[in-house]
Amino acid sequence: MGYTTKEIAQACITYIVSMCNSHHKDRLDVLEHVADLVSKDISLLKHSDPARNR
């Protein structure tokens, strides 16, 4: 059995926090940028037509 969706999401956040700490970056700035990227990716996925690529 693999990881759950929530476990994967939490692992991503844990990784982001760890990277911010080790590279001395502002976590809020990084999370806001990640949120923007995630929002764009969600929009792309919601508006894509999987049947078109067959």
PDB file of N, CA and C in Angstrom:
ATOM      1  N   MET A   1       0.845  -1.182   0.000  1.00  0.00           N
ATOM      2  CA  MET A   1       0.000   0.000   0.000  1.00  0.00           C
ATOM      3  C   MET A   1       0.886   1.240   0.000  1.00  0.00           C
ATOM      4  N   GLY A   2       0.517   2.225  -0.800  1.00  0.00           N
ATOM      5  CA  GLY A   2       1.311   3.449  -0.917  1.00  0.00           C
ATOM      6  C   GLY A   2       0.871   4.508   0.082  1.00  0.00           C
ATOM      7  N   TYR A   3       1.423   5.663  -0.118  1.00  0.00           N
ATOM      8  CA  TYR A   3       1.090   6.800   0.742  1.00  0.00           C
ATOM      9  C   TYR A   3      -0.289   7.349   0.403  1.00  0.00           C
ATOM     10  N   THR A   4      -0.946   7.925   1.399  1.00  0.00           N
ATOM     11  CA  THR A   4      -2.223   8.586   1.156  1.00  0.00           C
ATOM     12  C   THR A   4      -1.956   9.981   0.587  1.00  0.00           C
ATOM     13  N   THR A   5      -2.988  10.576   0.040  1.00  0.00           N
ATOM     14  CA  THR A   5      -2.889  11.936  -0.491  1.00  0.00           C
ATOM     15  C   THR A   5      -2.446  12.905   0.598  1.00  0.00           C
ATOM     16  N   LYS A   6      -3.032  12.778   1.781  1.00  0.00           N
ATOM     17  CA  LYS A   6      -2.679  13.675   2.895  1.00  0.00           C
ATOM     18  C   LYS A   6      -1.230  13.482   3.331  1.00  0.00           C
ATOM     19  N   GLU A   7      -0.753  12.253   3.320  1.00  0.00           N
ATOM     20  CA  GLU A   7       0.635  11.993   3.702  1.00  0.00           C
ATOM     21  C   GLU A   7       1.610  12.618   2.696  1.00  0.00           C
ATOM     22  N   ILE A   8       1.276  12.538   1.428  1.00  0.00           N
ATOM     23  CA  ILE A   8       2.130  13.138   0.401  1.00  0.00           C
ATOM     24  C   ILE A   8       2.143  14.656   0.556  1.00  0.00           C
ATOM     25  N   ALA A   9       0.971  15.249   0.769  1.00  0.00           N
ATOM     26  CA  ALA A   9       0.888  16.701   0.956  1.00  0.00           C
ATOM     27  C   ALA A   9       1.695  17.137   2.176  1.00  0.00           C
ATOM     28  N   GLN A  10       1.580  16.394   3.271  1.00  0.00           N
ATOM     29  CA  GLN A  10       2.328  16.739   4.478  1.00  0.00           C
ATOM     30  C   GLN A  10       3.824  16.593   4.256  1.00  0.00           C
ATOM     31  N   ALA A  11       4.229  15.584   3.515  1.00  0.00           N
ATOM     32  CA  ALA A  11       5.653  15.398   3.207  1.00  0.00           C
ATOM     33  C   ALA A  11       6.176  16.574   2.384  1.00  0.00           C
ATOM     34  N   CYS A  12       5.368  17.084   1.474  1.00  0.00           N
ATOM     35  CA  CYS A  12       5.771  18.256   0.685  1.00  0.00           C
ATOM     36  C   CYS A  12       5.991  19.463   1.583  1.00  0.00           C
ATOM     37  N   ILE A  13       5.072  19.700   2.495  1.00  0.00           N
ATOM     38  CA  ILE A  13       5.207  20.827   3.424  1.00  0.00           C
ATOM     39  C   ILE A  13       6.436  20.642   4.312  1.00  0.00           C
ATOM     40  N   THR A  14       6.642  19.448   4.811  1.00  0.00           N
ATOM     41  CA  THR A  14       7.810  19.166   5.638  1.00  0.00           C
ATOM     42  C   THR A  14       9.098  19.450   4.878  1.00  0.00           C
ATOM     43  N   TYR A  15       9.139  19.050   3.612  1.00  0.00           N
ATOM     44  CA  TYR A  15      10.306  19.298   2.766  1.00  0.00           C
ATOM     45  C   TYR A  15      10.520  20.794   2.549  1.00  0.00           C
ATOM     46  N   ILE A  16       9.445  21.524   2.270  1.00  0.00           N
ATOM     47  CA  ILE A  16       9.547  22.969   2.058  1.00  0.00           C
ATOM     48  C   ILE A  16      10.090  23.654   3.315  1.00  0.00           C
ATOM     49  N   VAL A  17       9.556  23.308   4.471  1.00  0.00           N
ATOM     50  CA  VAL A  17      10.016  23.899   5.726  1.00  0.00           C
ATOM     51  C   VAL A  17      11.491  23.586   5.960  1.00  0.00           C
ATOM     52  N   SER A  18      11.879  22.353   5.712  1.00  0.00           N
ATOM     53  CA  SER A  18      13.265  21.955   5.887  1.00  0.00           C
ATOM     54  C   SER A  18      14.184  22.741   4.952  1.00  0.00           C
ATOM     55  N   MET A  19      13.784  22.891   3.690  1.00  0.00           N
ATOM     56  CA  MET A  19      14.586  23.647   2.730  1.00  0.00           C
ATOM     57  C   MET A  19      14.696  25.115   3.130  1.00  0.00           C
ATOM     58  N   CYS A  20      13.600  25.694   3.589  1.00  0.00           N
ATOM     59  CA  CYS A  20      13.635  27.094   4.051  1.00  0.00           C
ATOM     60  C   CYS A  20      14.601  27.256   5.218  1.00  0.00           C
ATOM     61  N   ASN A  21      14.553  26.332   6.154  1.00  0.00           N
ATOM     62  CA  ASN A  21      15.435  26.410   7.314  1.00  0.00           C
ATOM     63  C   ASN A  21      16.897  26.237   6.926  1.00  0.00           C
ATOM     64  N   SER A  22      17.201  25.268   6.095  1.00  0.00           N
ATOM     65  CA  SER A  22      18.599  24.993   5.757  1.00  0.00           C
ATOM     66  C   SER A  22      19.193  26.045   4.833  1.00  0.00           C
ATOM     67  N   HIS A  23      18.346  26.767   4.082  1.00  0.00           N
ATOM     68  CA  HIS A  23      18.841  27.793   3.173  1.00  0.00           C
ATOM     69  C   HIS A  23      18.527  29.208   3.656  1.00  0.00           C
ATOM     70  N   HIS A  24      18.027  29.296   4.894  1.00  0.00           N
ATOM     71  CA  HIS A  24      17.760  30.587   5.546  1.00  0.00           C
ATOM     72  C   HIS A  24      16.862  31.490   4.704  1.00  0.00           C
ATOM     73  N   LYS A  25      15.781  30.919   4.199  1.00  0.00           N
ATOM     74  CA  LYS A  25      14.798  31.667   3.413  1.00  0.00           C
ATOM     75  C   LYS A  25      13.536  31.864   4.237  1.00  0.00           C
ATOM     76  N   ASP A  26      12.822  32.952   3.949  1.00  0.00           N
ATOM     77  CA  ASP A  26      11.589  33.255   4.659  1.00  0.00           C
ATOM     78  C   ASP A  26      10.501  32.258   4.244  1.00  0.00           C
ATOM     79  N   ARG A  27      10.005  31.528   5.227  1.00  0.00           N
ATOM     80  CA  ARG A  27       9.026  30.473   4.928  1.00  0.00           C
ATOM     81  C   ARG A  27       7.743  31.038   4.328  1.00  0.00           C
ATOM     82  N   LEU A  28       7.293  32.193   4.815  1.00  0.00           N
ATOM     83  CA  LEU A  28       6.070  32.794   4.280  1.00  0.00           C
ATOM     84  C   LEU A  28       6.244  33.140   2.803  1.00  0.00           C
ATOM     85  N   ASP A  29       7.375  33.742   2.440  1.00  0.00           N
ATOM     86  CA  ASP A  29       7.623  34.070   1.029  1.00  0.00           C
ATOM     87  C   ASP A  29       7.621  32.817   0.166  1.00  0.00           C
ATOM     88  N   VAL A  30       8.290  31.791   0.642  1.00  0.00           N
ATOM     89  CA  VAL A  30       8.369  30.543  -0.131  1.00  0.00           C
ATOM     90  C   VAL A  30       6.988  29.907  -0.254  1.00  0.00           C
ATOM     91  N   LEU A  31       6.247  29.830   0.842  1.00  0.00           N
ATOM     92  CA  LEU A  31       4.915  29.214   0.798  1.00  0.00           C
ATOM     93  C   LEU A  31       3.953  29.996  -0.093  1.00  0.00           C
ATOM     94  N   GLU A  32       4.067  31.342  -0.096  1.00  0.00           N
ATOM     95  CA  GLU A  32       3.218  32.137  -0.981  1.00  0.00           C
ATOM     96  C   GLU A  32       3.551  31.852  -2.441  1.00  0.00           C
ATOM     97  N   HIS A  33       4.822  31.706  -2.752  1.00  0.00           N
ATOM     98  CA  HIS A  33       5.218  31.385  -4.121  1.00  0.00           C
ATOM     99  C   HIS A  33       4.740  29.976  -4.496  1.00  0.00           C
ATOM    100  N   VAL A  34       4.881  29.036  -3.585  1.00  0.00           N
ATOM    101  CA  VAL A  34       4.411  27.670  -3.828  1.00  0.00           C
ATOM    102  C   VAL A  34       2.892  27.673  -4.036  1.00  0.00           C
ATOM    103  N   ALA A  35       2.171  28.438  -3.226  1.00  0.00           N
ATOM    104  CA  ALA A  35       0.717  28.520  -3.367  1.00  0.00           C
ATOM    105  C   ALA A  35       0.334  29.037  -4.750  1.00  0.00           C
ATOM    106  N   ASP A  36       1.081  30.028  -5.256  1.00  0.00           N
ATOM    107  CA  ASP A  36       0.820  30.551  -6.590  1.00  0.00           C
ATOM    108  C   ASP A  36       1.064  29.474  -7.655  1.00  0.00           C
ATOM    109  N   LEU A  37       2.173  28.753  -7.518  1.00  0.00           N
ATOM    110  CA  LEU A  37       2.482  27.684  -8.475  1.00  0.00           C
ATOM    111  C   LEU A  37       1.441  26.566  -8.414  1.00  0.00           C
ATOM    112  N   VAL A  38       1.025  26.204  -7.219  1.00  0.00           N
ATOM    113  CA  VAL A  38       0.018  25.151  -7.049  1.00  0.00           C
ATOM    114  C   VAL A  38      -1.309  25.593  -7.656  1.00  0.00           C
ATOM    115  N   SER A  39      -1.679  26.837  -7.424  1.00  0.00           N
ATOM    116  CA  SER A  39      -2.933  27.360  -7.977  1.00  0.00           C
ATOM    117  C   SER A  39      -2.926  27.296  -9.498  1.00  0.00           C
ATOM    118  N   LYS A  40      -1.802  27.667 -10.108  1.00  0.00           N
ATOM    119  CA  LYS A  40      -1.699  27.605 -11.567  1.00  0.00           C
ATOM    120  C   LYS A  40      -1.780  26.162 -12.063  1.00  0.00           C
ATOM    121  N   ASP A  41      -1.134  25.252 -11.350  1.00  0.00           N
ATOM    122  CA  ASP A  41      -1.156  23.844 -11.752  1.00  0.00           C
ATOM    123  C   ASP A  41      -2.559  23.256 -11.622  1.00  0.00           C
ATOM    124  N   ILE A  42      -3.259  23.615 -10.549  1.00  0.00           N
ATOM    125  CA  ILE A  42      -4.630  23.141 -10.359  1.00  0.00           C
ATOM    126  C   ILE A  42      -5.516  23.640 -11.496  1.00  0.00           C
ATOM    127  N   SER A  43      -5.374  24.908 -11.835  1.00  0.00           N
ATOM    128  CA  SER A  43      -6.172  25.480 -12.924  1.00  0.00           C
ATOM    129  C   SER A  43      -5.893  24.761 -14.238  1.00  0.00           C
ATOM    130  N   LEU A  44      -4.633  24.505 -14.511  1.00  0.00           N
ATOM    131  CA  LEU A  44      -4.263  23.799 -15.734  1.00  0.00           C
ATOM    132  C   LEU A  44      -4.883  22.401 -15.770  1.00  0.00           C
ATOM    133  N   LEU A  45      -4.801  21.685 -14.648  1.00  0.00           N
ATOM    134  CA  LEU A  45      -5.355  20.330 -14.595  1.00  0.00           C
ATOM    135  C   LEU A  45      -6.873  20.322 -14.728  1.00  0.00           C
ATOM    136  N   LYS A  46      -7.534  21.296 -14.107  1.00  0.00           N
ATOM    137  CA  LYS A  46      -9.001  21.360 -14.183  1.00  0.00           C
ATOM    138  C   LYS A  46      -9.494  21.693 -15.575  1.00  0.00           C
ATOM    139  N   HIS A  47      -8.685  22.422 -16.337  1.00  0.00           N
ATOM    140  CA  HIS A  47      -9.115  22.858 -17.657  1.00  0.00           C
ATOM    141  C   HIS A  47      -8.546  22.028 -18.802  1.00  0.00           C
ATOM    142  N   SER A  48      -7.793  21.010 -18.471  1.00  0.00           N
ATOM    143  CA  SER A  48      -7.246  20.174 -19.539  1.00  0.00           C
ATOM    144  C   SER A  48      -8.281  19.129 -19.950  1.00  0.00           C
ATOM    145  N   ASP A  49      -8.171  18.709 -21.179  1.00  0.00           N
ATOM    146  CA  ASP A  49      -9.100  17.724 -21.727  1.00  0.00           C
ATOM    147  C   ASP A  49      -8.305  16.448 -22.024  1.00  0.00           C
ATOM    148  N   PRO A  50      -8.382  15.453 -21.156  1.00  0.00           N
ATOM    149  CA  PRO A  50      -7.592  14.245 -21.360  1.00  0.00           C
ATOM    150  C   PRO A  50      -7.941  13.506 -22.661  1.00  0.00           C
ATOM    151  N   ALA A  51      -9.155  13.636 -23.136  1.00  0.00           N
ATOM    152  CA  ALA A  51      -9.558  12.958 -24.372  1.00  0.00           C
ATOM    153  C   ALA A  51      -8.888  13.588 -25.597  1.00  0.00           C
ATOM    154  N   ARG A  52      -8.497  14.843 -25.484  1.00  0.00           N
ATOM    155  CA  ARG A  52      -7.887  15.537 -26.614  1.00  0.00           C
ATOM    156  C   ARG A  52      -6.517  14.968 -26.966  1.00  0.00           C
ATOM    157  N   ASN A  53      -5.818  14.401 -26.007  1.00  0.00           N
ATOM    158  CA  ASN A  53      -4.457  13.915 -26.222  1.00  0.00           C
ATOM    159  C   ASN A  53      -4.391  12.449 -26.624  1.00  0.00           C
ATOM    160  N   ARG A  54      -5.490  11.868 -27.033  1.00  0.00           N
ATOM    161  CA  ARG A  54      -5.495  10.447 -27.418  1.00  0.00           C
ATOM    162  C   ARG A  54      -5.034  10.260 -28.828  1.00  0.00           C
TER     163      ARG A  54
END
